[in-house]
PDB file of N, CA and C in Angstrom:
ATOM      1  N   MET A   1       1.299  -1.650   0.082  1.00  0.00           N
ATOM      2  CA  MET A   1      -0.086  -0.404  -0.036  1.00  0.00           C
ATOM      3  C   MET A   1       1.076   1.235  -0.409  1.00  0.00           C
ATOM      4  N   ARG A   2       0.197   2.123  -1.086  1.00  0.00           N
ATOM      5  CA  ARG A   2       1.307   2.949  -1.261  1.00  0.00           C
ATOM      6  C   ARG A   2       1.442   4.208   0.644  1.00  0.00           C
ATOM      7  N   GLY A   3       2.764   4.993   0.805  1.00  0.00           N
ATOM      8  CA  GLY A   3       2.842   5.943   1.924  1.00  0.00           C
ATOM      9  C   GLY A   3       3.032   4.150   3.465  1.00  0.00           C
ATOM     10  N   GLN A   4       3.730   3.302   3.208  1.00  0.00           N
ATOM     11  CA  GLN A   4       3.078   2.746   3.997  1.00  0.00           C
ATOM     12  C   GLN A   4       4.318   1.749   3.460  1.00  0.00           C
ATOM     13  N   SER A   5       5.343   0.999   5.084  1.00  0.00           N
ATOM     14  CA  SER A   5       6.551   0.616   5.171  1.00  0.00           C
ATOM     15  C   SER A   5       5.789  -0.941   5.686  1.00  0.00           C
ATOM     16  N   ARG A   6       6.140  -2.087   4.767  1.00  0.00           N
ATOM     17  CA  ARG A   6       6.057  -3.080   5.229  1.00  0.00           C
ATOM     18  C   ARG A   6       7.667  -3.778   5.519  1.00  0.00           C
ATOM     19  N   SER A   7       7.320  -4.467   7.176  1.00  0.00           N
ATOM     20  CA  SER A   7       7.666  -5.371   7.566  1.00  0.00           C
ATOM     21  C   SER A   7       8.767  -6.186   6.763  1.00  0.00           C
ATOM     22  N   SER A   8       9.873  -6.130   6.602  1.00  0.00           N
ATOM     23  CA  SER A   8      10.613  -7.226   5.650  1.00  0.00           C
ATOM     24  C   SER A   8      10.929  -8.668   6.508  1.00  0.00           C
ATOM     25  N   PHE A   9      10.329  -8.696   8.119  1.00  0.00           N
ATOM     26  CA  PHE A   9      10.925  -9.720   8.890  1.00  0.00           C
ATOM     27  C   PHE A   9      10.051 -10.994   8.902  1.00  0.00           C
ATOM     28  N   LYS A  10      10.292 -12.636   8.756  1.00  0.00           N
ATOM     29  CA  LYS A  10       9.471 -13.493   8.133  1.00  0.00           C
ATOM     30  C   LYS A  10       8.335 -13.638   9.426  1.00  0.00           C
ATOM     31  N   ASP A  11       7.519 -14.098   8.582  1.00  0.00           N
ATOM     32  CA  ASP A  11       6.226 -14.255   9.327  1.00  0.00           C
ATOM     33  C   ASP A  11       6.452 -14.952  10.817  1.00  0.00           C
ATOM     34  N   ALA A  12       7.271 -15.449  10.934  1.00  0.00           N
ATOM     35  CA  ALA A  12       7.137 -16.125  12.443  1.00  0.00           C
ATOM     36  C   ALA A  12       7.997 -14.786  13.920  1.00  0.00           C
ATOM     37  N   ILE A  13       8.892 -14.464  12.878  1.00  0.00           N
ATOM     38  CA  ILE A  13       9.582 -12.685  12.978  1.00  0.00           C
ATOM     39  C   ILE A  13       8.668 -11.854  14.087  1.00  0.00           C
ATOM     40  N   HIS A  14       7.597 -11.881  12.754  1.00  0.00           N
ATOM     41  CA  HIS A  14       6.734 -11.074  13.340  1.00  0.00           C
ATOM     42  C   HIS A  14       5.451 -11.216  13.690  1.00  0.00           C
ATOM     43  N   ARG A  15       4.819 -12.060  13.977  1.00  0.00           N
ATOM     44  CA  ARG A  15       4.198 -13.018  14.951  1.00  0.00           C
ATOM     45  C   ARG A  15       4.853 -12.942  16.581  1.00  0.00           C
ATOM     46  N   ALA A  16       5.781 -13.407  16.552  1.00  0.00           N
ATOM     47  CA  ALA A  16       7.017 -12.897  18.154  1.00  0.00           C
ATOM     48  C   ALA A  16       6.785 -12.188  18.404  1.00  0.00           C
ATOM     49  N   SER A  17       6.820 -10.355  17.309  1.00  0.00           N
ATOM     50  CA  SER A  17       7.233  -9.312  17.622  1.00  0.00           C
ATOM     51  C   SER A  17       6.005  -8.727  18.655  1.00  0.00           C
ATOM     52  N   LEU A  18       4.670  -8.963  17.830  1.00  0.00           N
ATOM     53  CA  LEU A  18       3.629  -8.869  17.983  1.00  0.00           C
ATOM     54  C   LEU A  18       3.528  -9.213  19.652  1.00  0.00           C
ATOM     55  N   ARG A  19       3.160 -10.132  19.835  1.00  0.00           N
ATOM     56  CA  ARG A  19       2.753 -10.603  21.137  1.00  0.00           C
ATOM     57  C   ARG A  19       4.290 -10.126  22.116  1.00  0.00           C
ATOM     58  N   GLY A  20       5.413  -9.137  21.528  1.00  0.00           N
ATOM     59  CA  GLY A  20       6.263  -8.971  22.530  1.00  0.00           C
ATOM     60  C   GLY A  20       7.618 -10.189  23.104  1.00  0.00           C
ATOM     61  N   ASP A  21       6.920 -11.077  22.436  1.00  0.00           N
ATOM     62  CA  ASP A  21       8.462 -12.493  22.187  1.00  0.00           C
ATOM     63  C   ASP A  21       9.759 -12.815  21.348  1.00  0.00           C
ATOM     64  N   SER A  22      10.017 -11.664  20.713  1.00  0.00           N
ATOM     65  CA  SER A  22      11.037 -12.736  19.407  1.00  0.00           C
ATOM     66  C   SER A  22      12.053 -11.852  20.142  1.00  0.00           C
ATOM     67  N   ARG A  23      13.025 -12.813  20.428  1.00  0.00           N
ATOM     68  CA  ARG A  23      14.562 -13.157  20.535  1.00  0.00           C
ATOM     69  C   ARG A  23      15.352 -11.958  19.401  1.00  0.00           C
ATOM     70  N   TYR A  24      15.262 -12.577  18.110  1.00  0.00           N
ATOM     71  CA  TYR A  24      15.266 -11.617  16.962  1.00  0.00           C
ATOM     72  C   TYR A  24      15.625 -10.409  16.919  1.00  0.00           C
ATOM     73  N   LEU A  25      14.341  -9.995  17.684  1.00  0.00           N
ATOM     74  CA  LEU A  25      14.114  -8.555  17.423  1.00  0.00           C
ATOM     75  C   LEU A  25      15.253  -7.751  18.747  1.00  0.00           C
ATOM     76  N   ARG A  26      14.895  -8.538  20.050  1.00  0.00           N
ATOM     77  CA  ARG A  26      15.341  -8.488  21.154  1.00  0.00           C
ATOM     78  C   ARG A  26      16.707  -7.766  20.837  1.00  0.00           C
ATOM     79  N   GLU A  27      17.798  -8.411  20.562  1.00  0.00           N
ATOM     80  CA  GLU A  27      18.915  -8.430  20.178  1.00  0.00           C
ATOM     81  C   GLU A  27      19.564  -7.827  19.334  1.00  0.00           C
ATOM     82  N   ARG A  28      18.479  -7.654  18.445  1.00  0.00           N
ATOM     83  CA  ARG A  28      18.405  -6.186  17.231  1.00  0.00           C
ATOM     84  C   ARG A  28      18.561  -5.291  17.806  1.00  0.00           C
ATOM     85  N   VAL A  29      17.577  -4.855  18.601  1.00  0.00           N
ATOM     86  CA  VAL A  29      16.711  -4.295  19.578  1.00  0.00           C
ATOM     87  C   VAL A  29      18.925  -3.633  20.609  1.00  0.00           C
ATOM     88  N   ARG A  30      18.806  -4.646  21.124  1.00  0.00           N
ATOM     89  CA  ARG A  30      20.239  -4.685  21.643  1.00  0.00           C
ATOM     90  C   ARG A  30      21.527  -4.139  21.026  1.00  0.00           C
ATOM     91  N   ARG A  31      21.368  -4.924  19.530  1.00  0.00           N
ATOM     92  CA  ARG A  31      23.101  -4.491  19.189  1.00  0.00           C
ATOM     93  C   ARG A  31      22.140  -3.053  18.542  1.00  0.00           C
ATOM     94  N   ILE A  32      21.934  -2.351  18.350  1.00  0.00           N
ATOM     95  CA  ILE A  32      21.421  -0.240  17.999  1.00  0.00           C
ATOM     96  C   ILE A  32      21.323  -0.370  19.189  1.00  0.00           C
ATOM     97  N   THR A  33      21.107  -0.225  20.192  1.00  0.00           N
ATOM     98  CA  THR A  33      21.623   0.341  20.822  1.00  0.00           C
ATOM     99  C   THR A  33      22.542   0.411  21.310  1.00  0.00           C
ATOM    100  N   GLU A  34      23.539  -0.229  22.148  1.00  0.00           N
ATOM    101  CA  GLU A  34      24.733  -0.053  21.858  1.00  0.00           C
ATOM    102  C   GLU A  34      24.950   0.535  20.766  1.00  0.00           C
ATOM    103  N   GLU A  35      25.327   0.579  19.419  1.00  0.00           N
ATOM    104  CA  GLU A  35      25.590   1.121  18.165  1.00  0.00           C
ATOM    105  C   GLU A  35      25.298   3.134  18.916  1.00  0.00           C
ATOM    106  N   LEU A  36      23.771   3.288  19.266  1.00  0.00           N
ATOM    107  CA  LEU A  36      23.872   4.360  20.032  1.00  0.00           C
ATOM    108  C   LEU A  36      24.140   4.524  20.244  1.00  0.00           C
ATOM    109  N   ARG A  37      25.001   4.097  21.513  1.00  0.00           N
ATOM    110  CA  ARG A  37      25.732   4.442  22.528  1.00  0.00           C
ATOM    111  C   ARG A  37      26.770   5.046  22.659  1.00  0.00           C
ATOM    112  N   ASP A  38      27.635   4.228  21.036  1.00  0.00           N
ATOM    113  CA  ASP A  38      28.795   4.625  20.866  1.00  0.00           C
ATOM    114  C   ASP A  38      28.926   5.830  19.836  1.00  0.00           C
ATOM    115  N   GLY A  39      27.583   5.780  20.184  1.00  0.00           N
ATOM    116  CA  GLY A  39      27.807   7.996  18.099  1.00  0.00           C
ATOM    117  C   GLY A  39      26.858   7.605  17.367  1.00  0.00           C
ATOM    118  N   ALA A  40      26.709   6.035  17.054  1.00  0.00           N
ATOM    119  CA  ALA A  40      25.971   6.338  15.938  1.00  0.00           C
ATOM    120  C   ALA A  40      26.005   5.036  15.197  1.00  0.00           C
ATOM    121  N   LEU A  41      24.219   4.775  14.495  1.00  0.00           N
ATOM    122  CA  LEU A  41      24.513   3.610  13.331  1.00  0.00           C
ATOM    123  C   LEU A  41      25.861   3.146  12.980  1.00  0.00           C
ATOM    124  N   LYS A  42      25.875   2.145  12.430  1.00  0.00           N
ATOM    125  CA  LYS A  42      26.835   1.796  11.579  1.00  0.00           C
ATOM    126  C   LYS A  42      26.029   1.513  10.842  1.00  0.00           C
ATOM    127  N   PRO A  43      26.753   1.536   9.355  1.00  0.00           N
ATOM    128  CA  PRO A  43      26.328   1.955   8.275  1.00  0.00           C
ATOM    129  C   PRO A  43      25.388   0.701   7.673  1.00  0.00           C
ATOM    130  N   ASN A  44      24.805  -0.088   7.062  1.00  0.00           N
ATOM    131  CA  ASN A  44      23.613  -0.539   6.652  1.00  0.00           C
ATOM    132  C   ASN A  44      24.306  -0.612   4.961  1.00  0.00           C
ATOM    133  N   SER A  45      23.413  -1.657   4.220  1.00  0.00           N
ATOM    134  CA  SER A  45      24.253  -2.569   3.175  1.00  0.00           C
ATOM    135  C   SER A  45      23.212  -2.066   2.751  1.00  0.00           C
ATOM    136  N   GLY A  46      21.844  -2.219   3.026  1.00  0.00           N
ATOM    137  CA  GLY A  46      20.793  -1.624   2.210  1.00  0.00           C
ATOM    138  C   GLY A  46      20.037  -0.324   1.484  1.00  0.00           C
ATOM    139  N   LYS A  47      20.804   0.755   2.380  1.00  0.00           N
ATOM    140  CA  LYS A  47      20.784   2.565   2.847  1.00  0.00           C
ATOM    141  C   LYS A  47      21.306   2.700   1.182  1.00  0.00           C
ATOM    142  N   THR A  48      22.427   2.040   0.534  1.00  0.00           N
ATOM    143  CA  THR A  48      22.890   2.546  -0.737  1.00  0.00           C
ATOM    144  C   THR A  48      21.539   2.361  -1.907  1.00  0.00           C
ATOM    145  N   LYS A  49      20.984   0.673  -1.750  1.00  0.00           N
ATOM    146  CA  LYS A  49      19.997   0.872  -2.739  1.00  0.00           C
ATOM    147  C   LYS A  49      18.700   1.396  -2.291  1.00  0.00           C
ATOM    148  N   LEU A  50      18.262   1.669  -1.086  1.00  0.00           N
ATOM    149  CA  LEU A  50      17.213   2.439  -0.589  1.00  0.00           C
ATOM    150  C   LEU A  50      17.033   4.167  -0.959  1.00  0.00           C
ATOM    151  N   LEU A  51      18.488   4.970  -1.478  1.00  0.00           N
ATOM    152  CA  LEU A  51      18.742   6.162  -1.642  1.00  0.00           C
ATOM    153  C   LEU A  51      17.944   5.728  -3.409  1.00  0.00           C
ATOM    154  N   ALA A  52      19.208   4.895  -3.727  1.00  0.00           N
ATOM    155  CA  ALA A  52      18.488   4.618  -5.140  1.00  0.00           C
ATOM    156  C   ALA A  52      17.269   4.534  -5.791  1.00  0.00           C
ATOM    157  N   THR A  53      16.879   3.986  -4.833  1.00  0.00           N
ATOM    158  CA  THR A  53      15.473   3.992  -5.979  1.00  0.00           C
ATOM    159  C   THR A  53      14.756   4.395  -5.092  1.00  0.00           C
ATOM    160  N   ARG A  54      14.434   5.725  -4.004  1.00  0.00           N
ATOM    161  CA  ARG A  54      13.968   7.016  -3.992  1.00  0.00           C
ATOM    162  C   ARG A  54      14.336   8.127  -4.674  1.00  0.00           C
ATOM    163  N   SER A  55      15.716   8.216  -5.329  1.00  0.00           N
ATOM    164  CA  SER A  55      16.306   9.077  -6.505  1.00  0.00           C
ATOM    165  C   SER A  55      15.194   8.519  -7.242  1.00  0.00           C
ATOM    166  N   ASP A  56      15.158   7.206  -7.646  1.00  0.00           N
ATOM    167  CA  ASP A  56      14.181   7.564  -8.859  1.00  0.00           C
ATOM    168  C   ASP A  56      12.514   7.387  -8.758  1.00  0.00           C
ATOM    169  N   VAL A  57      12.272   7.339  -7.598  1.00  0.00           N
ATOM    170  CA  VAL A  57      10.817   7.392  -7.494  1.00  0.00           C
ATOM    171  C   VAL A  57      10.979   9.121  -7.407  1.00  0.00           C
ATOM    172  N   ILE A  58      11.634   9.977  -6.794  1.00  0.00           N
ATOM    173  CA  ILE A  58      11.288  11.084  -7.071  1.00  0.00           C
ATOM    174  C   ILE A  58      11.726  11.738  -8.425  1.00  0.00           C
ATOM    175  N   ALA A  59      12.438  11.448  -9.200  1.00  0.00           N
ATOM    176  CA  ALA A  59      13.077  11.666 -10.568  1.00  0.00           C
ATOM    177  C   ALA A  59      11.274  11.312 -11.187  1.00  0.00           C
ATOM    178  N   GLY A  60      10.747   9.963 -10.978  1.00  0.00           N
ATOM    179  CA  GLY A  60      10.509  10.581 -11.491  1.00  0.00           C
ATOM    180  C   GLY A  60       9.090  11.005 -11.139  1.00  0.00           C
ATOM    181  N   TRP A  61       8.305  11.189 -10.491  1.00  0.00           N
ATOM    182  CA  TRP A  61       7.485  12.232  -9.684  1.00  0.00           C
ATOM    183  C   TRP A  61       7.743  13.702 -10.950  1.00  0.00           C
ATOM    184  N   HIS A  62       8.873  13.987 -10.066  1.00  0.00           N
ATOM    185  CA  HIS A  62       9.172  15.413 -11.113  1.00  0.00           C
ATOM    186  C   HIS A  62       8.954  15.027 -12.745  1.00  0.00           C
ATOM    187  N   ALA A  63       9.077  13.762 -13.393  1.00  0.00           N
ATOM    188  CA  ALA A  63       8.871  13.735 -14.681  1.00  0.00           C
ATOM    189  C   ALA A  63       7.259  13.492 -15.102  1.00  0.00           C
ATOM    190  N   VAL A  64       6.277  13.125 -13.376  1.00  0.00           N
ATOM    191  CA  VAL A  64       5.427  13.654 -14.371  1.00  0.00           C
ATOM    192  C   VAL A  64       4.725  14.741 -13.801  1.00  0.00           C
ATOM    193  N   ALA A  65       5.250  15.652 -12.879  1.00  0.00           N
ATOM    194  CA  ALA A  65       4.665  16.829 -12.689  1.00  0.00           C
ATOM    195  C   ALA A  65       5.064  18.124 -14.259  1.00  0.00           C
ATOM    196  N   ASP A  66       6.740  17.793 -14.872  1.00  0.00           N
ATOM    197  CA  ASP A  66       6.991  18.234 -16.221  1.00  0.00           C
ATOM    198  C   ASP A  66       5.892  17.850 -17.323  1.00  0.00           C
ATOM    199  N   ALA A  67       5.526  16.661 -16.827  1.00  0.00           N
ATOM    200  CA  ALA A  67       4.295  16.313 -18.367  1.00  0.00           C
ATOM    201  C   ALA A  67       2.730  17.031 -18.179  1.00  0.00           C
ATOM    202  N   LEU A  68       2.774  17.206 -16.729  1.00  0.00           N
ATOM    203  CA  LEU A  68       1.446  17.666 -16.134  1.00  0.00           C
ATOM    204  C   LEU A  68       1.652  19.158 -16.796  1.00  0.00           C
ATOM    205  N   LEU A  69       2.794  19.549 -15.972  1.00  0.00           N
ATOM    206  CA  LEU A  69       3.322  20.909 -16.770  1.00  0.00           C
ATOM    207  C   LEU A  69       3.111  21.580 -18.330  1.00  0.00           C
ATOM    208  N   ALA A  70       3.506  20.649 -18.454  1.00  0.00           N
ATOM    209  CA  ALA A  70       3.422  20.753 -20.267  1.00  0.00           C
ATOM    210  C   ALA A  70       1.435  20.672 -21.045  1.00  0.00           C
ATOM    211  N   ALA A  71       1.316  19.672 -19.564  1.00  0.00           N
ATOM    212  CA  ALA A  71       0.118  20.324 -20.147  1.00  0.00           C
ATOM    213  C   ALA A  71      -0.934  21.076 -20.266  1.00  0.00           C
ATOM    214  N   GLY A  72      -0.376  21.678 -19.652  1.00  0.00           N
ATOM    215  CA  GLY A  72      -1.279  22.909 -18.770  1.00  0.00           C
ATOM    216  C   GLY A  72      -2.190  22.467 -17.637  1.00  0.00           C
ATOM    217  N   GLN A  73      -1.516  21.703 -16.946  1.00  0.00           N
ATOM    218  CA  GLN A  73      -1.920  20.574 -15.287  1.00  0.00           C
ATOM    219  C   GLN A  73      -1.116  21.643 -14.232  1.00  0.00           C
ATOM    220  N   SER A  74      -1.710  22.854 -14.431  1.00  0.00           N
ATOM    221  CA  SER A  74       0.335  23.184 -13.116  1.00  0.00           C
ATOM    222  C   SER A  74      -0.630  22.992 -11.870  1.00  0.00           C
ATOM    223  N   ALA A  75      -1.921  23.610 -11.525  1.00  0.00           N
ATOM    224  CA  ALA A  75      -2.378  22.717 -10.379  1.00  0.00           C
ATOM    225  C   ALA A  75      -2.324  21.131  -9.745  1.00  0.00           C
ATOM    226  N   LEU A  76      -2.147  21.035 -10.533  1.00  0.00           N
ATOM    227  CA  LEU A  76      -1.957  19.807 -10.652  1.00  0.00           C
ATOM    228  C   LEU A  76      -0.499  18.823  -9.985  1.00  0.00           C
ATOM    229  N   ALA A  77       0.223  19.899 -11.346  1.00  0.00           N
ATOM    230  CA  ALA A  77       1.754  19.642 -11.090  1.00  0.00           C
ATOM    231  C   ALA A  77       2.295  20.187  -9.764  1.00  0.00           C
ATOM    232  N   GLU A  78       1.669  21.289  -9.009  1.00  0.00           N
ATOM    233  CA  GLU A  78       1.847  22.050  -8.091  1.00  0.00           C
ATOM    234  C   GLU A  78       1.856  20.732  -6.478  1.00  0.00           C
ATOM    235  N   LYS A  79       0.661  19.973  -6.950  1.00  0.00           N
ATOM    236  CA  LYS A  79       0.422  18.787  -6.055  1.00  0.00           C
ATOM    237  C   LYS A  79       1.184  17.972  -5.813  1.00  0.00           C
ATOM    238  N   ILE A  80       1.293  17.681  -7.019  1.00  0.00           N
ATOM    239  CA  ILE A  80       2.985  16.321  -7.246  1.00  0.00           C
ATOM    240  C   ILE A  80       4.187  16.914  -6.508  1.00  0.00           C
ATOM    241  N   ARG A  81       4.480  18.443  -6.872  1.00  0.00           N
ATOM    242  CA  ARG A  81       5.689  18.588  -6.713  1.00  0.00           C
ATOM    243  C   ARG A  81       5.484  19.197  -4.699  1.00  0.00           C
ATOM    244  N   GLY A  82       4.418  19.317  -4.187  1.00  0.00           N
ATOM    245  CA  GLY A  82       4.458  19.617  -2.893  1.00  0.00           C
ATOM    246  C   GLY A  82       4.015  18.590  -2.130  1.00  0.00           C
ATOM    247  N   PHE A  83       3.616  17.106  -2.780  1.00  0.00           N
ATOM    248  CA  PHE A  83       3.563  15.588  -2.248  1.00  0.00           C
ATOM    249  C   PHE A  83       5.014  14.885  -2.430  1.00  0.00           C
ATOM    250  N   ILE A  84       6.510  15.636  -3.000  1.00  0.00           N
ATOM    251  CA  ILE A  84       7.035  15.447  -3.333  1.00  0.00           C
ATOM    252  C   ILE A  84       8.097  16.248  -2.247  1.00  0.00           C
ATOM    253  N   GLY A  85       7.722  17.509  -1.745  1.00  0.00           N
ATOM    254  CA  GLY A  85       7.864  17.846  -0.772  1.00  0.00           C
ATOM    255  C   GLY A  85       7.937  17.646   0.756  1.00  0.00           C
ATOM    256  N   GLY A  86       6.912  16.746   0.393  1.00  0.00           N
ATOM    257  CA  GLY A  86       6.579  16.420   2.267  1.00  0.00           C
ATOM    258  C   GLY A  86       6.948  14.901   2.199  1.00  0.00           C
ATOM    259  N   MET A  87       7.648  13.968   1.093  1.00  0.00           N
ATOM    260  CA  MET A  87       7.794  12.635   1.323  1.00  0.00           C
ATOM    261  C   MET A  87       8.621  12.637   2.873  1.00  0.00           C
ATOM    262  N   HIS A  88       8.638  12.104   3.151  1.00  0.00           N
ATOM    263  CA  HIS A  88       9.198  11.406   4.547  1.00  0.00           C
ATOM    264  C   HIS A  88      11.129  10.725   4.051  1.00  0.00           C
ATOM    265  N   ARG A  89      12.500  10.787   4.439  1.00  0.00           N
ATOM    266  CA  ARG A  89      13.524  10.554   4.472  1.00  0.00           C
ATOM    267  C   ARG A  89      13.561   8.826   4.628  1.00  0.00           C
ATOM    268  N   PRO A  90      14.037   8.444   3.344  1.00  0.00           N
ATOM    269  CA  PRO A  90      13.706   6.568   3.570  1.00  0.00           C
ATOM    270  C   PRO A  90      14.733   6.054   4.280  1.00  0.00           C
ATOM    271  N   LEU A  91      14.303   5.464   5.789  1.00  0.00           N
ATOM    272  CA  LEU A  91      15.077   4.929   6.887  1.00  0.00           C
ATOM    273  C   LEU A  91      15.020   3.092   6.849  1.00  0.00           C
ATOM    274  N   THR A  92      16.294   2.759   6.973  1.00  0.00           N
ATOM    275  CA  THR A  92      16.410   1.423   6.876  1.00  0.00           C
ATOM    276  C   THR A  92      15.604   0.846   7.444  1.00  0.00           C
ATOM    277  N   THR A  93      15.233  -0.417   8.450  1.00  0.00           N
ATOM    278  CA  THR A  93      14.812  -1.158   9.447  1.00  0.00           C
ATOM    279  C   THR A  93      15.552  -0.702  10.442  1.00  0.00           C
ATOM    280  N   ASP A  94      17.143  -0.772  10.527  1.00  0.00           N
ATOM    281  CA  ASP A  94      17.454  -0.447  12.194  1.00  0.00           C
ATOM    282  C   ASP A  94      17.638   0.903  12.023  1.00  0.00           C
ATOM    283  N   GLU A  95      17.330   1.839  10.880  1.00  0.00           N
ATOM    284  CA  GLU A  95      17.063   3.509  11.122  1.00  0.00           C
ATOM    285  C   GLU A  95      15.929   3.434  11.706  1.00  0.00           C
ATOM    286  N   GLN A  96      14.839   2.579  11.710  1.00  0.00           N
ATOM    287  CA  GLN A  96      13.537   3.274  11.700  1.00  0.00           C
ATOM    288  C   GLN A  96      14.066   2.506  13.762  1.00  0.00           C
ATOM    289  N   LEU A  97      13.690   0.931  13.580  1.00  0.00           N
ATOM    290  CA  LEU A  97      14.048   0.851  15.086  1.00  0.00           C
ATOM    291  C   LEU A  97      15.461   1.683  15.934  1.00  0.00           C
ATOM    292  N   ALA A  98      15.793   2.422  15.608  1.00  0.00           N
ATOM    293  CA  ALA A  98      16.913   3.638  16.091  1.00  0.00           C
ATOM    294  C   ALA A  98      15.349   4.615  16.705  1.00  0.00           C
ATOM    295  N   SER A  99      14.549   5.141  15.951  1.00  0.00           N
ATOM    296  CA  SER A  99      13.986   6.026  15.948  1.00  0.00           C
ATOM    297  C   SER A  99      13.011   5.368  16.533  1.00  0.00           C
ATOM    298  N   LYS A 100      12.509   4.408  16.862  1.00  0.00           N
ATOM    299  CA  LYS A 100      11.431   4.501  17.954  1.00  0.00           C
ATOM    300  C   LYS A 100      12.254   4.256  19.494  1.00  0.00           C
ATOM    301  N   LEU A 101      13.493   3.482  19.706  1.00  0.00           N
ATOM    302  CA  LEU A 101      13.796   3.419  20.966  1.00  0.00           C
ATOM    303  C   LEU A 101      14.162   5.384  21.601  1.00  0.00           C
ATOM    304  N   GLU A 102      14.748   5.701  20.093  1.00  0.00           N
ATOM    305  CA  GLU A 102      14.998   7.133  20.950  1.00  0.00           C
ATOM    306  C   GLU A 102      13.785   7.877  21.399  1.00  0.00           C
ATOM    307  N   ALA A 103      13.289   7.742  21.004  1.00  0.00           N
ATOM    308  CA  ALA A 103      11.044   8.410  21.322  1.00  0.00           C
ATOM    309  C   ALA A 103      10.593   7.654  22.338  1.00  0.00           C
ATOM    310  N   ARG A 104      11.185   6.724  22.175  1.00  0.00           N
ATOM    311  CA  ARG A 104      10.466   5.316  24.106  1.00  0.00           C
ATOM    312  C   ARG A 104      11.803   6.834  25.007  1.00  0.00           C
ATOM    313  N   THR A 105      12.612   7.174  25.021  1.00  0.00           N
ATOM    314  CA  THR A 105      13.883   7.252  25.762  1.00  0.00           C
ATOM    315  C   THR A 105      13.447   8.577  26.222  1.00  0.00           C
ATOM    316  N   ARG A 106      13.216   9.901  24.605  1.00  0.00           N
ATOM    317  CA  ARG A 106      12.586  10.873  25.788  1.00  0.00           C
ATOM    318  C   ARG A 106      11.484  11.000  26.217  1.00  0.00           C
ATOM    319  N   THR A 107      10.242   9.983  26.015  1.00  0.00           N
ATOM    320  CA  THR A 107       9.148   9.630  26.569  1.00  0.00           C
ATOM    321  C   THR A 107       9.317   9.535  27.768  1.00  0.00           C
ATOM    322  N   ARG A 108      10.118   8.511  27.949  1.00  0.00           N
ATOM    323  CA  ARG A 108      10.452   7.988  29.572  1.00  0.00           C
ATOM    324  C   ARG A 108      11.054   9.555  30.525  1.00  0.00           C
ATOM    325  N   GLU A 109      12.289  10.187  29.732  1.00  0.00           N
ATOM    326  CA  GLU A 109      12.921  10.729  30.364  1.00  0.00           C
ATOM    327  C   GLU A 109      11.509  11.897  30.610  1.00  0.00           C
ATOM    328  N   ARG A 110      10.688  12.774  30.056  1.00  0.00           N
ATOM    329  CA  ARG A 110       9.833  14.120  30.230  1.00  0.00           C
ATOM    330  C   ARG A 110       9.272  13.003  31.382  1.00  0.00           C
ATOM    331  N   GLU A 111       8.263  11.786  31.222  1.00  0.00           N
ATOM    332  CA  GLU A 111       7.955  11.478  32.615  1.00  0.00           C
ATOM    333  C   GLU A 111       8.573  11.421  33.248  1.00  0.00           C
ATOM    334  N   ARG A 112      10.222  11.641  34.021  1.00  0.00           N
ATOM    335  CA  ARG A 112      10.172  11.299  34.918  1.00  0.00           C
ATOM    336  C   ARG A 112      10.721  12.866  35.457  1.00  0.00           C
ATOM    337  N   GLN A 113      11.017  13.802  34.188  1.00  0.00           N
ATOM    338  CA  GLN A 113      11.166  15.275  34.259  1.00  0.00           C
ATOM    339  C   GLN A 113       9.731  15.734  35.090  1.00  0.00           C
ATOM    340  N   GLU A 114       8.698  15.338  34.658  1.00  0.00           N
ATOM    341  CA  GLU A 114       7.314  15.723  35.339  1.00  0.00           C
ATOM    342  C   GLU A 114       6.859  15.243  36.937  1.00  0.00           C
ATOM    343  N   GLU A 115       7.460  13.907  36.908  1.00  0.00           N
ATOM    344  CA  GLU A 115       7.248  12.780  38.438  1.00  0.00           C
ATOM    345  C   GLU A 115       8.047  13.853  39.298  1.00  0.00           C
ATOM    346  N   ARG A 116       9.014  14.058  39.091  1.00  0.00           N
ATOM    347  CA  ARG A 116       9.872  14.923  39.363  1.00  0.00           C
ATOM    348  C   ARG A 116       9.437  16.523  40.253  1.00  0.00           C
ATOM    349  N   THR A 117       8.409  17.026  39.103  1.00  0.00           N
ATOM    350  CA  THR A 117       8.254  18.473  39.318  1.00  0.00           C
ATOM    351  C   THR A 117       7.318  17.990  39.989  1.00  0.00           C
ATOM    352  N   ARG A 118       6.373  17.047  40.206  1.00  0.00           N
ATOM    353  CA  ARG A 118       5.270  16.614  41.288  1.00  0.00           C
ATOM    354  C   ARG A 118       5.583  16.808  42.720  1.00  0.00           C
TER     355      ARG A 118
END
């Protein structure tokens, strides 16, 4: 489905993760946490292909917008350019997990701050 990321995990891993019982994901999260503590995530081999695919997709949308502009459909071309500008940056699975970890950490810190001020 357009606009949604799909998990690349095998079915058993995915089902275990939904139960909160995936050893594979626990180990992966542990590794990502250590990498973040050390400064940053290590480069992922899939990132290059992900960025190349994103570049191809954006080029395709620009071509559509240009064709619409040439056909006198400037309003629609501008909507497409707005869509392109609003696209989220592409993230690998590790980057998505890291983002969730960082968000969870920020939430916990906020909760601790609230507890201290009460």
